[in-house]
């Protein structure tokens, strides 16, 4: 299928941020009384916003999830990302090819807050490809797994969602892309990607070096 636009998730697709963000979150949850391991934190929170897990966090810690706690989390998260964030392997040449092939009709559609997305893309040198075409689930009526952020990105590019490809690394994100009507490609650098296929990914790949070929670029 020839796609007219390509929509990318951010965390875990463009930047290798998930271990960093979830490491900070794990530390803070441990400090609050939830003895969750790093892997358990990754498994539960990848693709999910912290606030969407308010009930679970409050049940596990016995404390309310306050705005003050969230502000402290964002502060510690941003410091850690600024210190250690790297791009996903092979993403720069892949994005360059996809961007050129589609005449700039690419967008970043993330469930994260806009500040985080823009900070990360700027830090790893990907902002020039996405500037003006960044969409945050925090600014939508509903975030992933609802399709809102992908529908907004497709509308801004003036491309019907069914003519878009979505690149995702989480089952929650795949669910959002499928719900939008797009064809979803699942990025699974580790493991077999079974959860992504189960959520509706049309194919699963393990290296961003393969992405342009999968998209016909």
N, C-alpha and C. Protein backbone atom coordinates (compact mmCIF):
# COMPACT_ATOMS: atom_id res chain seq x y z
N UNK A 1 0.84 -1.20 0.00
CA UNK A 1 0.00 0.00 0.00
C UNK A 1 0.87 1.24 0.00
N UNK A 2 0.51 2.23 -0.81
CA UNK A 2 1.23 3.49 -0.85
C UNK A 2 0.61 4.45 0.15
N UNK A 3 1.39 4.89 1.11
CA UNK A 3 0.89 5.79 2.14
C UNK A 3 1.13 7.24 1.74
N UNK A 4 0.22 8.11 2.15
CA UNK A 4 0.34 9.53 1.84
C UNK A 4 0.97 10.31 2.99
N UNK A 5 0.98 9.75 4.19
CA UNK A 5 1.58 10.41 5.34
C UNK A 5 2.00 9.35 6.35
N UNK A 6 3.03 9.68 7.13
CA UNK A 6 3.55 8.76 8.14
C UNK A 6 3.49 9.46 9.49
N UNK A 7 2.88 8.82 10.47
CA UNK A 7 2.68 9.37 11.80
C UNK A 7 3.50 8.56 12.81
N UNK A 8 4.35 9.23 13.55
CA UNK A 8 5.26 8.57 14.48
C UNK A 8 4.88 8.84 15.92
N UNK A 9 4.88 7.80 16.73
CA UNK A 9 4.93 7.99 18.17
C UNK A 9 6.30 8.57 18.50
N UNK A 10 6.50 9.03 19.71
CA UNK A 10 7.79 9.63 20.08
C UNK A 10 8.61 8.70 20.96
N UNK A 11 8.16 8.48 22.19
CA UNK A 11 8.94 7.70 23.16
C UNK A 11 9.04 6.24 22.75
N UNK A 12 10.27 5.77 22.60
CA UNK A 12 10.48 4.39 22.20
C UNK A 12 10.50 4.19 20.70
N UNK A 13 10.12 5.21 19.93
CA UNK A 13 10.12 5.14 18.47
C UNK A 13 11.15 6.09 17.89
N UNK A 14 11.14 7.34 18.34
CA UNK A 14 12.11 8.33 17.89
C UNK A 14 13.25 8.49 18.89
N UNK A 15 12.94 8.41 20.16
CA UNK A 15 13.95 8.59 21.21
C UNK A 15 13.88 7.44 22.21
N UNK A 16 15.05 7.09 22.76
CA UNK A 16 15.14 5.96 23.69
C UNK A 16 14.93 6.47 25.12
N UNK A 17 13.73 6.94 25.37
CA UNK A 17 13.42 7.63 26.62
C UNK A 17 12.76 6.75 27.67
N UNK A 18 12.18 5.64 27.26
CA UNK A 18 11.36 4.87 28.20
C UNK A 18 12.14 4.38 29.42
N UNK A 19 13.36 3.83 29.26
CA UNK A 19 14.09 3.41 30.47
C UNK A 19 14.40 4.56 31.41
N UNK A 20 14.67 5.74 30.85
CA UNK A 20 15.01 6.90 31.68
C UNK A 20 13.77 7.38 32.44
N UNK A 21 12.68 7.64 31.71
CA UNK A 21 11.46 8.14 32.33
C UNK A 21 10.91 7.16 33.36
N UNK A 22 10.90 5.89 33.01
CA UNK A 22 10.34 4.90 33.93
C UNK A 22 11.29 4.62 35.09
N UNK A 23 12.58 4.86 34.91
CA UNK A 23 13.50 4.76 36.03
C UNK A 23 13.21 5.82 37.08
N UNK A 24 12.97 7.05 36.63
CA UNK A 24 12.61 8.12 37.56
C UNK A 24 11.27 7.82 38.22
N UNK A 25 10.31 7.36 37.43
CA UNK A 25 8.98 7.06 37.98
C UNK A 25 9.07 5.93 39.01
N UNK A 26 9.84 4.88 38.67
CA UNK A 26 10.00 3.77 39.63
C UNK A 26 10.59 4.26 40.94
N UNK A 27 11.64 5.11 40.87
CA UNK A 27 12.26 5.63 42.08
C UNK A 27 11.25 6.40 42.93
N UNK A 28 10.47 7.23 42.28
CA UNK A 28 9.52 8.05 43.03
C UNK A 28 8.37 7.22 43.60
N UNK A 29 7.95 6.21 42.87
CA UNK A 29 6.90 5.32 43.39
C UNK A 29 7.43 4.50 44.57
N UNK A 30 8.69 4.06 44.46
CA UNK A 30 9.31 3.35 45.59
C UNK A 30 9.35 4.26 46.82
N UNK A 31 9.75 5.51 46.61
CA UNK A 31 9.84 6.47 47.71
C UNK A 31 8.47 6.72 48.34
N UNK A 32 7.42 6.60 47.52
CA UNK A 32 6.05 6.84 48.02
C UNK A 32 5.44 5.60 48.64
N UNK A 33 6.13 4.43 48.53
CA UNK A 33 5.63 3.24 49.20
C UNK A 33 5.19 2.10 48.30
N UNK A 34 5.30 2.27 46.98
CA UNK A 34 4.94 1.19 46.05
C UNK A 34 6.25 0.50 45.64
N UNK A 35 6.45 -0.73 46.10
CA UNK A 35 7.68 -1.47 45.82
C UNK A 35 7.59 -2.13 44.44
N UNK A 36 7.61 -1.31 43.39
CA UNK A 36 7.52 -1.78 42.01
C UNK A 36 8.93 -1.83 41.43
N UNK A 37 9.24 -2.89 40.68
CA UNK A 37 10.56 -3.01 40.08
C UNK A 37 10.63 -2.18 38.80
N UNK A 38 11.85 -1.99 38.30
CA UNK A 38 12.01 -1.22 37.06
C UNK A 38 11.28 -1.90 35.91
N UNK A 39 11.41 -3.23 35.78
CA UNK A 39 10.75 -3.92 34.68
C UNK A 39 9.24 -3.88 34.82
N UNK A 40 8.74 -4.04 36.03
CA UNK A 40 7.29 -3.94 36.26
C UNK A 40 6.78 -2.55 35.90
N UNK A 41 7.57 -1.54 36.22
CA UNK A 41 7.18 -0.16 35.90
C UNK A 41 7.14 0.02 34.38
N UNK A 42 8.16 -0.49 33.69
CA UNK A 42 8.18 -0.42 32.23
C UNK A 42 6.96 -1.12 31.64
N UNK A 43 6.71 -2.33 32.10
CA UNK A 43 5.61 -3.13 31.55
C UNK A 43 4.26 -2.45 31.75
N UNK A 44 4.08 -1.81 32.90
CA UNK A 44 2.78 -1.21 33.21
C UNK A 44 2.60 0.16 32.58
N UNK A 45 3.65 0.98 32.57
CA UNK A 45 3.47 2.38 32.22
C UNK A 45 3.82 2.73 30.77
N UNK A 46 4.54 1.89 30.04
CA UNK A 46 4.85 2.24 28.66
C UNK A 46 3.56 2.38 27.86
N UNK A 47 3.39 3.52 27.23
CA UNK A 47 2.18 3.80 26.47
C UNK A 47 1.06 4.40 27.29
N UNK A 48 1.28 4.52 28.60
CA UNK A 48 0.24 4.98 29.52
C UNK A 48 0.72 6.24 30.22
N UNK A 49 -0.16 7.24 30.40
CA UNK A 49 0.23 8.42 31.16
C UNK A 49 0.17 8.12 32.65
N UNK A 50 0.96 8.86 33.41
CA UNK A 50 0.97 8.66 34.86
C UNK A 50 -0.41 8.96 35.44
N UNK A 51 -1.01 10.06 35.00
CA UNK A 51 -2.31 10.44 35.56
C UNK A 51 -3.41 9.43 35.23
N UNK A 52 -3.27 8.73 34.11
CA UNK A 52 -4.29 7.72 33.78
C UNK A 52 -4.24 6.55 34.76
N UNK A 53 -3.15 6.43 35.49
CA UNK A 53 -2.99 5.36 36.48
C UNK A 53 -3.19 5.87 37.90
N UNK A 54 -3.88 7.00 38.05
CA UNK A 54 -4.04 7.61 39.37
C UNK A 54 -4.61 6.64 40.39
N UNK A 55 -5.68 5.93 40.04
CA UNK A 55 -6.32 5.02 41.00
C UNK A 55 -5.36 3.93 41.45
N UNK A 56 -4.60 3.37 40.52
CA UNK A 56 -3.65 2.31 40.86
C UNK A 56 -2.53 2.85 41.75
N UNK A 57 -2.00 4.01 41.40
CA UNK A 57 -0.91 4.60 42.18
C UNK A 57 -1.38 4.90 43.61
N UNK A 58 -2.56 5.48 43.73
CA UNK A 58 -3.07 5.83 45.06
C UNK A 58 -3.36 4.58 45.88
N UNK A 59 -3.82 3.51 45.22
CA UNK A 59 -4.08 2.26 45.94
C UNK A 59 -2.78 1.62 46.43
N UNK A 60 -1.74 1.68 45.59
CA UNK A 60 -0.47 1.03 45.94
C UNK A 60 0.33 1.83 46.96
N UNK A 61 0.23 3.17 46.91
CA UNK A 61 1.02 4.01 47.82
C UNK A 61 0.26 4.42 49.07
N UNK A 62 -1.07 4.40 48.99
CA UNK A 62 -1.87 4.89 50.10
C UNK A 62 -1.85 6.40 50.24
N UNK A 63 -1.44 7.08 49.15
CA UNK A 63 -1.36 8.53 49.16
C UNK A 63 -2.08 9.09 47.93
N UNK A 64 -2.60 10.32 48.04
CA UNK A 64 -3.21 10.94 46.86
C UNK A 64 -2.12 11.33 45.84
N UNK A 65 -2.46 11.25 44.57
CA UNK A 65 -1.55 11.70 43.51
C UNK A 65 -1.79 13.19 43.31
N UNK A 66 -0.95 14.00 43.90
CA UNK A 66 -1.17 15.44 43.91
C UNK A 66 -0.49 16.14 42.73
N UNK A 67 -0.92 17.36 42.47
CA UNK A 67 -0.26 18.17 41.44
C UNK A 67 1.19 18.44 41.83
N UNK A 68 1.46 18.59 43.11
CA UNK A 68 2.82 18.83 43.58
C UNK A 68 3.71 17.63 43.27
N UNK A 69 3.20 16.42 43.51
CA UNK A 69 3.97 15.20 43.21
C UNK A 69 4.25 15.11 41.72
N UNK A 70 3.24 15.40 40.90
CA UNK A 70 3.42 15.34 39.45
C UNK A 70 4.44 16.37 38.99
N UNK A 71 4.41 17.58 39.55
CA UNK A 71 5.37 18.61 39.18
C UNK A 71 6.78 18.17 39.52
N UNK A 72 6.94 17.51 40.67
CA UNK A 72 8.25 17.01 41.08
C UNK A 72 8.71 15.90 40.13
N UNK A 73 7.78 15.04 39.74
CA UNK A 73 8.11 13.98 38.77
C UNK A 73 8.58 14.58 37.46
N UNK A 74 7.84 15.56 36.93
CA UNK A 74 8.24 16.19 35.67
C UNK A 74 9.63 16.81 35.79
N UNK A 75 9.90 17.46 36.93
CA UNK A 75 11.19 18.11 37.12
C UNK A 75 12.32 17.08 37.10
N UNK A 76 12.16 16.00 37.86
CA UNK A 76 13.20 14.96 37.90
C UNK A 76 13.32 14.24 36.56
N UNK A 77 12.20 13.99 35.92
CA UNK A 77 12.21 13.36 34.60
C UNK A 77 12.96 14.20 33.59
N UNK A 78 12.67 15.49 33.56
CA UNK A 78 13.29 16.38 32.56
C UNK A 78 14.80 16.48 32.78
N UNK A 79 15.23 16.53 34.02
CA UNK A 79 16.66 16.57 34.32
C UNK A 79 17.34 15.30 33.81
N UNK A 80 16.74 14.17 34.09
CA UNK A 80 17.32 12.89 33.66
C UNK A 80 17.36 12.78 32.14
N UNK A 81 16.30 13.21 31.46
CA UNK A 81 16.27 13.15 30.00
C UNK A 81 17.33 14.08 29.40
N UNK A 82 17.47 15.27 29.96
CA UNK A 82 18.47 16.21 29.46
C UNK A 82 19.88 15.66 29.61
N UNK A 83 20.10 14.87 30.65
CA UNK A 83 21.43 14.32 30.90
C UNK A 83 21.73 13.10 30.04
N UNK A 84 20.71 12.25 29.76
CA UNK A 84 21.04 10.93 29.23
C UNK A 84 20.33 10.54 27.94
N UNK A 85 19.42 11.34 27.45
CA UNK A 85 18.60 10.92 26.31
C UNK A 85 19.42 10.72 25.04
N UNK A 86 19.13 9.63 24.32
CA UNK A 86 19.70 9.35 23.01
C UNK A 86 18.58 9.05 22.03
N UNK A 87 18.88 9.21 20.76
CA UNK A 87 17.92 8.84 19.71
C UNK A 87 17.90 7.32 19.56
N UNK A 88 16.81 6.81 19.03
CA UNK A 88 16.73 5.39 18.66
C UNK A 88 17.76 5.12 17.56
N UNK A 89 18.41 3.97 17.64
CA UNK A 89 19.41 3.61 16.64
C UNK A 89 18.83 3.67 15.22
N UNK A 90 19.57 4.26 14.31
CA UNK A 90 19.25 4.35 12.88
C UNK A 90 18.08 5.27 12.55
N UNK A 91 17.57 6.01 13.55
CA UNK A 91 16.36 6.80 13.28
C UNK A 91 16.65 8.00 12.39
N UNK A 92 17.81 8.62 12.49
CA UNK A 92 18.07 9.82 11.69
C UNK A 92 18.04 9.55 10.18
N UNK A 93 18.78 8.57 9.67
CA UNK A 93 18.67 8.32 8.23
C UNK A 93 17.30 7.82 7.82
N UNK A 94 16.62 7.09 8.70
CA UNK A 94 15.27 6.61 8.39
C UNK A 94 14.30 7.78 8.24
N UNK A 95 14.33 8.70 9.18
CA UNK A 95 13.44 9.86 9.13
C UNK A 95 13.77 10.73 7.93
N UNK A 96 15.04 10.91 7.64
CA UNK A 96 15.43 11.72 6.49
C UNK A 96 14.84 11.16 5.20
N UNK A 97 14.91 9.85 5.03
CA UNK A 97 14.37 9.22 3.82
C UNK A 97 12.85 9.31 3.77
N UNK A 98 12.20 9.02 4.90
CA UNK A 98 10.73 9.05 4.93
C UNK A 98 10.23 10.47 4.71
N UNK A 99 10.87 11.43 5.32
CA UNK A 99 10.49 12.84 5.17
C UNK A 99 10.61 13.28 3.71
N UNK A 100 11.73 12.94 3.07
CA UNK A 100 11.94 13.33 1.68
C UNK A 100 10.96 12.64 0.75
N UNK A 101 10.75 11.35 0.97
CA UNK A 101 9.88 10.57 0.09
C UNK A 101 8.44 11.07 0.13
N UNK A 102 7.99 11.52 1.30
CA UNK A 102 6.60 11.95 1.47
C UNK A 102 6.44 13.46 1.44
N UNK A 103 7.45 14.15 0.97
CA UNK A 103 7.35 15.60 0.83
C UNK A 103 7.06 16.32 2.12
N UNK A 104 7.62 15.81 3.21
CA UNK A 104 7.42 16.45 4.51
C UNK A 104 6.13 16.07 5.21
N UNK A 105 5.33 15.18 4.64
CA UNK A 105 4.05 14.81 5.26
C UNK A 105 4.28 13.72 6.32
N UNK A 106 4.96 14.13 7.37
CA UNK A 106 5.13 13.26 8.53
C UNK A 106 4.79 14.09 9.76
N UNK A 107 4.43 13.40 10.84
CA UNK A 107 4.08 14.10 12.08
C UNK A 107 4.47 13.22 13.25
N UNK A 108 4.62 13.85 14.41
CA UNK A 108 4.84 13.15 15.67
C UNK A 108 3.56 13.25 16.48
N UNK A 109 2.97 12.11 16.81
CA UNK A 109 1.72 12.07 17.57
C UNK A 109 1.96 11.25 18.83
N UNK A 110 2.16 11.94 19.93
CA UNK A 110 2.60 11.30 21.18
C UNK A 110 1.54 11.41 22.26
N UNK A 111 1.56 10.45 23.16
CA UNK A 111 0.70 10.54 24.34
C UNK A 111 1.30 11.41 25.42
N UNK A 112 2.56 11.83 25.25
CA UNK A 112 3.25 12.61 26.28
C UNK A 112 2.89 14.09 26.18
N UNK A 113 3.30 14.84 27.21
CA UNK A 113 3.06 16.28 27.21
C UNK A 113 3.95 16.96 26.16
N UNK A 114 3.47 18.07 25.63
CA UNK A 114 4.17 18.75 24.54
C UNK A 114 5.60 19.17 24.93
N UNK A 115 5.78 19.68 26.14
CA UNK A 115 7.12 20.11 26.54
C UNK A 115 8.11 18.98 26.41
N UNK A 116 7.73 17.80 26.88
CA UNK A 116 8.62 16.64 26.83
C UNK A 116 8.94 16.26 25.39
N UNK A 117 7.91 16.21 24.54
CA UNK A 117 8.12 15.81 23.15
C UNK A 117 9.05 16.78 22.45
N UNK A 118 8.78 18.07 22.59
CA UNK A 118 9.59 19.07 21.89
C UNK A 118 11.02 19.11 22.44
N UNK A 119 11.16 18.98 23.74
CA UNK A 119 12.49 18.95 24.34
C UNK A 119 13.30 17.77 23.79
N UNK A 120 12.68 16.62 23.72
CA UNK A 120 13.37 15.41 23.28
C UNK A 120 13.76 15.50 21.80
N UNK A 121 12.84 15.94 20.97
CA UNK A 121 13.15 16.03 19.54
C UNK A 121 14.26 17.05 19.29
N UNK A 122 14.24 18.15 20.03
CA UNK A 122 15.30 19.14 19.88
C UNK A 122 16.64 18.58 20.34
N UNK A 123 16.64 17.85 21.43
CA UNK A 123 17.90 17.33 22.00
C UNK A 123 18.59 16.36 21.05
N UNK A 124 17.82 15.52 20.35
CA UNK A 124 18.46 14.51 19.48
C UNK A 124 18.55 14.95 18.03
N UNK A 125 18.13 16.20 17.73
CA UNK A 125 18.30 16.73 16.39
C UNK A 125 17.22 16.35 15.39
N UNK A 126 16.05 15.95 15.88
CA UNK A 126 14.96 15.56 14.98
C UNK A 126 13.91 16.66 14.80
N UNK A 127 14.00 17.73 15.57
CA UNK A 127 12.99 18.78 15.50
C UNK A 127 12.78 19.35 14.10
N UNK A 128 13.83 19.56 13.29
CA UNK A 128 13.59 20.13 11.96
C UNK A 128 12.63 19.32 11.09
N UNK A 129 12.54 18.03 11.33
CA UNK A 129 11.65 17.18 10.53
C UNK A 129 10.19 17.25 11.00
N UNK A 130 9.98 17.68 12.26
CA UNK A 130 8.64 17.60 12.84
C UNK A 130 8.08 18.95 13.30
N UNK A 131 8.87 19.98 13.28
CA UNK A 131 8.41 21.27 13.81
C UNK A 131 7.13 21.72 13.11
N UNK A 132 6.14 22.10 13.93
CA UNK A 132 4.84 22.49 13.39
C UNK A 132 3.90 21.33 13.16
N UNK A 133 4.40 20.11 13.37
CA UNK A 133 3.58 18.92 13.16
C UNK A 133 3.75 17.96 14.33
N UNK A 134 3.64 18.52 15.52
CA UNK A 134 3.75 17.76 16.76
C UNK A 134 2.41 17.82 17.49
N UNK A 135 1.93 16.66 17.91
CA UNK A 135 0.61 16.56 18.52
C UNK A 135 0.74 15.78 19.84
N UNK A 136 0.14 16.32 20.88
CA UNK A 136 0.23 15.74 22.22
C UNK A 136 -1.14 15.23 22.67
N UNK A 137 -1.14 14.01 23.19
CA UNK A 137 -2.38 13.45 23.73
C UNK A 137 -2.91 14.24 24.90
N UNK A 138 -2.04 15.00 25.59
CA UNK A 138 -2.47 15.84 26.71
C UNK A 138 -3.39 16.97 26.24
N UNK A 139 -3.35 17.27 24.94
CA UNK A 139 -4.13 18.39 24.41
C UNK A 139 -5.39 17.91 23.68
N UNK A 140 -5.66 16.61 23.76
CA UNK A 140 -6.81 16.02 23.08
C UNK A 140 -7.92 15.70 24.08
N UNK A 141 -9.16 15.54 23.60
CA UNK A 141 -10.23 15.12 24.50
C UNK A 141 -9.88 13.83 25.24
N UNK A 142 -9.27 12.87 24.52
CA UNK A 142 -8.81 11.62 25.12
C UNK A 142 -7.45 11.28 24.54
N UNK A 143 -6.58 10.72 25.40
CA UNK A 143 -5.27 10.32 24.92
C UNK A 143 -5.29 8.84 24.53
N UNK A 144 -4.18 8.32 24.07
CA UNK A 144 -4.09 6.91 23.69
C UNK A 144 -4.51 6.04 24.87
N UNK A 145 -5.25 4.97 24.66
CA UNK A 145 -5.51 4.25 23.41
C UNK A 145 -6.63 4.81 22.54
N UNK A 146 -7.23 5.94 22.92
CA UNK A 146 -8.19 6.59 22.01
C UNK A 146 -7.44 7.11 20.79
N UNK A 147 -8.10 7.25 19.65
CA UNK A 147 -7.42 7.62 18.41
C UNK A 147 -7.21 9.11 18.22
N UNK A 148 -7.65 9.94 19.16
CA UNK A 148 -7.73 11.39 18.94
C UNK A 148 -6.45 12.02 18.41
N UNK A 149 -5.29 11.67 19.00
CA UNK A 149 -4.05 12.34 18.62
C UNK A 149 -3.66 11.97 17.19
N UNK A 150 -3.95 10.74 16.77
CA UNK A 150 -3.65 10.35 15.39
C UNK A 150 -4.64 10.96 14.41
N UNK A 151 -5.88 11.08 14.81
CA UNK A 151 -6.87 11.74 13.95
C UNK A 151 -6.51 13.21 13.76
N UNK A 152 -6.05 13.85 14.82
CA UNK A 152 -5.66 15.27 14.74
C UNK A 152 -4.46 15.45 13.82
N UNK A 153 -3.49 14.55 13.91
CA UNK A 153 -2.30 14.64 13.06
C UNK A 153 -2.66 14.44 11.60
N UNK A 154 -3.49 13.44 11.31
CA UNK A 154 -3.90 13.19 9.93
C UNK A 154 -4.67 14.39 9.37
N UNK A 155 -5.56 14.95 10.18
CA UNK A 155 -6.35 16.11 9.72
C UNK A 155 -5.45 17.29 9.42
N UNK A 156 -4.44 17.52 10.26
CA UNK A 156 -3.53 18.65 10.04
C UNK A 156 -2.72 18.47 8.76
N UNK A 157 -2.40 17.23 8.41
CA UNK A 157 -1.66 16.95 7.18
C UNK A 157 -2.59 16.84 5.98
N UNK A 158 -3.90 16.94 6.23
CA UNK A 158 -4.92 16.87 5.18
C UNK A 158 -4.84 15.53 4.42
N UNK A 159 -4.65 14.47 5.21
CA UNK A 159 -4.61 13.11 4.66
C UNK A 159 -5.61 12.26 5.43
N UNK A 160 -6.43 11.48 4.71
CA UNK A 160 -7.39 10.62 5.40
C UNK A 160 -6.63 9.59 6.23
N UNK A 161 -7.09 9.31 7.44
CA UNK A 161 -6.36 8.37 8.30
C UNK A 161 -6.09 7.01 7.65
N UNK A 162 -6.98 6.57 6.79
CA UNK A 162 -6.76 5.26 6.16
C UNK A 162 -5.61 5.29 5.16
N UNK A 163 -5.13 6.48 4.81
CA UNK A 163 -3.99 6.61 3.90
C UNK A 163 -2.70 6.90 4.67
N UNK A 164 -2.78 6.76 5.99
CA UNK A 164 -1.62 7.01 6.85
C UNK A 164 -1.05 5.70 7.39
N UNK A 165 0.27 5.69 7.58
CA UNK A 165 0.92 4.64 8.36
C UNK A 165 1.31 5.22 9.71
N UNK A 166 1.16 4.42 10.74
CA UNK A 166 1.53 4.81 12.10
C UNK A 166 2.67 3.90 12.55
N UNK A 167 3.66 4.48 13.21
CA UNK A 167 4.78 3.70 13.74
C UNK A 167 4.71 3.78 15.26
N UNK A 168 4.54 2.62 15.89
CA UNK A 168 4.31 2.55 17.34
C UNK A 168 5.14 1.44 17.96
N UNK A 169 5.38 1.57 19.26
CA UNK A 169 6.14 0.54 19.97
C UNK A 169 5.38 -0.05 21.15
N UNK A 170 4.16 0.40 21.43
CA UNK A 170 3.40 -0.13 22.56
C UNK A 170 2.03 -0.61 22.08
N UNK A 171 1.48 -1.57 22.81
CA UNK A 171 0.16 -2.09 22.46
C UNK A 171 -0.90 -0.99 22.59
N UNK A 172 -0.75 -0.12 23.58
CA UNK A 172 -1.70 0.98 23.76
C UNK A 172 -1.66 1.90 22.55
N UNK A 173 -0.46 2.21 22.08
CA UNK A 173 -0.31 3.07 20.91
C UNK A 173 -0.82 2.41 19.64
N UNK A 174 -0.54 1.12 19.48
CA UNK A 174 -1.05 0.39 18.32
C UNK A 174 -2.57 0.44 18.31
N UNK A 175 -3.18 0.24 19.47
CA UNK A 175 -4.64 0.30 19.57
C UNK A 175 -5.16 1.65 19.10
N UNK A 176 -4.47 2.72 19.46
CA UNK A 176 -4.87 4.07 19.05
C UNK A 176 -4.78 4.23 17.54
N UNK A 177 -3.69 3.76 16.95
CA UNK A 177 -3.52 3.88 15.50
C UNK A 177 -4.56 3.09 14.74
N UNK A 178 -4.83 1.87 15.20
CA UNK A 178 -5.84 1.04 14.55
C UNK A 178 -7.21 1.69 14.66
N UNK A 179 -7.52 2.24 15.84
CA UNK A 179 -8.81 2.90 16.04
C UNK A 179 -8.98 4.11 15.14
N UNK A 180 -7.85 4.74 14.77
CA UNK A 180 -7.91 5.88 13.87
C UNK A 180 -8.15 5.46 12.42
N UNK A 181 -7.94 4.18 12.14
CA UNK A 181 -8.13 3.68 10.78
C UNK A 181 -6.84 3.57 9.99
N UNK A 182 -5.70 3.82 10.65
CA UNK A 182 -4.41 3.78 9.97
C UNK A 182 -3.86 2.36 9.92
N UNK A 183 -2.87 2.16 9.08
CA UNK A 183 -2.09 0.92 9.07
C UNK A 183 -0.94 1.10 10.04
N UNK A 184 -0.81 0.20 11.01
CA UNK A 184 0.18 0.36 12.07
C UNK A 184 1.34 -0.61 11.88
N UNK A 185 2.55 -0.05 11.94
CA UNK A 185 3.77 -0.84 11.94
C UNK A 185 4.32 -0.84 13.36
N UNK A 186 4.58 -2.00 13.90
CA UNK A 186 5.04 -2.12 15.27
C UNK A 186 6.54 -2.25 15.36
N UNK A 187 7.16 -1.38 16.13
CA UNK A 187 8.61 -1.42 16.33
C UNK A 187 8.89 -2.18 17.62
N UNK A 188 9.60 -3.30 17.50
CA UNK A 188 9.91 -4.15 18.65
C UNK A 188 11.37 -4.55 18.60
N UNK A 189 12.27 -3.69 19.11
CA UNK A 189 13.69 -4.01 19.05
C UNK A 189 14.07 -5.20 19.92
N UNK A 190 13.25 -5.49 20.91
CA UNK A 190 13.46 -6.64 21.79
C UNK A 190 12.21 -7.50 21.78
N UNK A 191 12.36 -8.80 21.79
CA UNK A 191 11.20 -9.68 21.81
C UNK A 191 10.61 -9.87 20.43
N UNK A 192 9.48 -10.58 20.40
CA UNK A 192 8.88 -10.95 19.11
C UNK A 192 7.74 -10.04 18.68
N UNK A 193 7.40 -9.06 19.50
CA UNK A 193 6.33 -8.13 19.13
C UNK A 193 4.95 -8.74 19.15
N UNK A 194 4.77 -9.84 19.87
CA UNK A 194 3.47 -10.51 19.87
C UNK A 194 2.36 -9.61 20.39
N UNK A 195 2.66 -8.80 21.40
CA UNK A 195 1.63 -7.90 21.95
C UNK A 195 1.22 -6.85 20.94
N UNK A 196 2.18 -6.41 20.11
CA UNK A 196 1.86 -5.41 19.09
C UNK A 196 0.98 -6.03 18.01
N UNK A 197 1.31 -7.24 17.60
CA UNK A 197 0.47 -7.93 16.61
C UNK A 197 -0.93 -8.17 17.16
N UNK A 198 -1.01 -8.57 18.42
CA UNK A 198 -2.31 -8.84 19.03
C UNK A 198 -3.16 -7.58 19.08
N UNK A 199 -2.51 -6.42 19.21
CA UNK A 199 -3.24 -5.15 19.26
C UNK A 199 -3.65 -4.66 17.87
N UNK A 200 -3.09 -5.29 16.81
CA UNK A 200 -3.52 -4.92 15.46
C UNK A 200 -2.44 -4.43 14.52
N UNK A 201 -1.15 -4.51 14.94
CA UNK A 201 -0.07 -4.08 14.05
C UNK A 201 -0.04 -5.00 12.82
N UNK A 202 0.07 -4.40 11.64
CA UNK A 202 0.09 -5.17 10.40
C UNK A 202 1.41 -5.88 10.20
N UNK A 203 2.49 -5.28 10.70
CA UNK A 203 3.79 -5.95 10.66
C UNK A 203 4.60 -5.46 11.85
N UNK A 204 5.61 -6.24 12.20
CA UNK A 204 6.49 -5.89 13.31
C UNK A 204 7.92 -5.95 12.80
N UNK A 205 8.72 -4.96 13.14
CA UNK A 205 10.12 -4.91 12.72
C UNK A 205 10.99 -4.55 13.91
N UNK A 206 12.29 -4.87 13.83
CA UNK A 206 13.17 -4.71 14.99
C UNK A 206 14.26 -3.68 14.82
N UNK A 207 14.41 -3.11 13.62
CA UNK A 207 15.45 -2.10 13.38
C UNK A 207 14.89 -0.96 12.56
N UNK A 208 15.18 0.26 12.97
CA UNK A 208 14.72 1.42 12.21
C UNK A 208 15.39 1.52 10.85
N UNK A 209 16.49 0.80 10.66
CA UNK A 209 17.13 0.76 9.34
C UNK A 209 16.20 0.12 8.31
N UNK A 210 15.24 -0.70 8.78
CA UNK A 210 14.31 -1.38 7.87
C UNK A 210 13.07 -0.55 7.55
N UNK A 211 12.83 0.51 8.32
CA UNK A 211 11.56 1.23 8.19
C UNK A 211 11.34 1.84 6.80
N UNK A 212 12.30 2.55 6.20
CA UNK A 212 12.03 3.13 4.89
C UNK A 212 11.59 2.08 3.86
N UNK A 213 12.23 0.91 3.86
CA UNK A 213 11.84 -0.13 2.93
C UNK A 213 10.44 -0.63 3.17
N UNK A 214 10.06 -0.77 4.44
CA UNK A 214 8.70 -1.21 4.76
C UNK A 214 7.66 -0.21 4.28
N UNK A 215 8.04 1.07 4.24
CA UNK A 215 7.12 2.12 3.81
C UNK A 215 7.22 2.42 2.32
N UNK A 216 8.06 1.66 1.62
CA UNK A 216 8.19 1.87 0.18
C UNK A 216 8.98 3.10 -0.19
N UNK A 217 9.86 3.55 0.72
CA UNK A 217 10.66 4.75 0.45
C UNK A 217 11.96 4.38 -0.29
